[in-house]
Amino acid sequence: MDEKPEIVRIKLEDDQRRAQLSTATKAFQVKIDTNKTVVVYNHIQGYILDALMKAVFANAH
C-alpha cells in the first residue's frame, strides 16, 4: 500500500473570533440623491473607497 501523509489541522484563531471578524457590517451610509444611497461596509479596500469617494463627490469643493 502507498503511504498517505497525515493531515493535521492547525488552528490559528478562535473560530468564533474569525466569524466575527469576517462578518460584514455597515461602516457608513451616505444619501446622495432622493433615490440614491451609498452604503460602505467594513473591510473595503482603500483604492475602491478612494474611487467611490471621487465618483460620488466629483463636484464637491
C-alpha atoms as a PDB file:
ATOM      1  CA  MET A   1       0.000   0.000   0.000  1.00  0.00           C
ATOM      2  CA  ASP A   2       1.017   3.560  -0.637  1.00  0.00           C
ATOM      3  CA  GLU A   3       1.730   5.652   2.377  1.00  0.00           C
ATOM      4  CA  LYS A   4      -0.540   8.654   2.606  1.00  0.00           C
ATOM      5  CA  PRO A   5       0.640  11.679   4.541  1.00  0.00           C
ATOM      6  CA  GLU A   6      -1.291  12.521   7.653  1.00  0.00           C
ATOM      7  CA  ILE A   7      -3.424  15.617   7.540  1.00  0.00           C
ATOM      8  CA  VAL A   8      -3.074  17.776  10.610  1.00  0.00           C
ATOM      9  CA  ARG A   9      -5.429  20.634  11.310  1.00  0.00           C
ATOM     10  CA  ILE A  10      -3.728  23.775  12.557  1.00  0.00           C
ATOM     11  CA  LYS A  11      -5.966  26.222  14.331  1.00  0.00           C
ATOM     12  CA  LEU A  12      -4.656  29.774  14.151  1.00  0.00           C
ATOM     13  CA  GLU A  13      -7.610  31.708  15.509  1.00  0.00           C
ATOM     14  CA  ASP A  14     -10.647  31.038  17.574  1.00  0.00           C
ATOM     15  CA  ASP A  15     -13.496  30.082  15.200  1.00  0.00           C
ATOM     16  CA  GLN A  16     -15.922  32.498  16.860  1.00  0.00           C
ATOM     17  CA  ARG A  17     -13.475  35.376  16.560  1.00  0.00           C
ATOM     18  CA  ARG A  18     -12.873  34.608  12.873  1.00  0.00           C
ATOM     19  CA  ALA A  19     -16.639  34.595  12.250  1.00  0.00           C
ATOM     20  CA  GLN A  20     -16.989  37.959  13.963  1.00  0.00           C
ATOM     21  CA  LEU A  21     -14.113  39.493  12.011  1.00  0.00           C
ATOM     22  CA  SER A  22     -15.311  38.251   8.646  1.00  0.00           C
ATOM     23  CA  THR A  23     -18.907  39.359   9.113  1.00  0.00           C
ATOM     24  CA  ALA A  24     -19.618  42.417   7.015  1.00  0.00           C
ATOM     25  CA  THR A  25     -21.085  45.318   8.916  1.00  0.00           C
ATOM     26  CA  LYS A  26     -22.104  48.719   7.650  1.00  0.00           C
ATOM     27  CA  ALA A  27     -19.342  51.293   8.131  1.00  0.00           C
ATOM     28  CA  PHE A  28     -21.289  54.297   6.862  1.00  0.00           C
ATOM     29  CA  GLN A  29     -24.157  55.308   4.614  1.00  0.00           C
ATOM     30  CA  VAL A  30     -24.479  58.467   2.509  1.00  0.00           C
ATOM     31  CA  LYS A  31     -27.652  59.646   0.802  1.00  0.00           C
ATOM     32  CA  ILE A  32     -26.584  61.356  -2.427  1.00  0.00           C
ATOM     33  CA  ASP A  33     -29.965  61.933  -4.085  1.00  0.00           C
ATOM     34  CA  THR A  34     -33.627  61.336  -3.378  1.00  0.00           C
ATOM     35  CA  ASN A  35     -33.399  57.810  -4.808  1.00  0.00           C
ATOM     36  CA  LYS A  36     -29.676  57.088  -4.387  1.00  0.00           C
ATOM     37  CA  THR A  37     -27.840  55.907  -1.308  1.00  0.00           C
ATOM     38  CA  VAL A  38     -24.264  54.673  -0.991  1.00  0.00           C
ATOM     39  CA  VAL A  39     -23.582  52.068   1.674  1.00  0.00           C
ATOM     40  CA  VAL A  40     -19.981  51.189   2.552  1.00  0.00           C
ATOM     41  CA  TYR A  41     -19.202  48.085   4.582  1.00  0.00           C
ATOM     42  CA  ASN A  42     -16.135  47.375   6.687  1.00  0.00           C
ATOM     43  CA  HIS A  43     -13.080  45.708   5.158  1.00  0.00           C
ATOM     44  CA  ILE A  44     -13.390  47.732   1.933  1.00  0.00           C
ATOM     45  CA  GLN A  45     -10.144  48.069   0.024  1.00  0.00           C
ATOM     46  CA  GLY A  46      -8.620  51.545   0.154  1.00  0.00           C
ATOM     47  CA  TYR A  47      -8.369  52.011  -3.604  1.00  0.00           C
ATOM     48  CA  ILE A  48     -12.044  51.054  -4.024  1.00  0.00           C
ATOM     49  CA  LEU A  49     -13.091  53.520  -1.326  1.00  0.00           C
ATOM     50  CA  ASP A  50     -10.952  56.223  -2.950  1.00  0.00           C
ATOM     51  CA  ALA A  51     -12.556  55.637  -6.371  1.00  0.00           C
ATOM     52  CA  LEU A  52     -16.024  55.605  -4.810  1.00  0.00           C
ATOM     53  CA  MET A  53     -15.454  58.893  -2.991  1.00  0.00           C
ATOM     54  CA  LYS A  54     -14.116  60.545  -6.155  1.00  0.00           C
ATOM     55  CA  ALA A  55     -17.144  59.362  -8.141  1.00  0.00           C
ATOM     56  CA  VAL A  56     -19.706  60.364  -5.527  1.00  0.00           C
ATOM     57  CA  PHE A  57     -18.155  63.692  -4.593  1.00  0.00           C
ATOM     58  CA  ALA A  58     -16.753  64.711  -8.003  1.00  0.00           C
ATOM     59  CA  ASN A  59     -18.282  68.196  -7.756  1.00  0.00           C
ATOM     60  CA  ALA A  60     -17.539  68.817  -4.080  1.00  0.00           C
ATOM     61  CA  HIS A  61     -15.425  71.860  -3.243  1.00  0.00           C
END
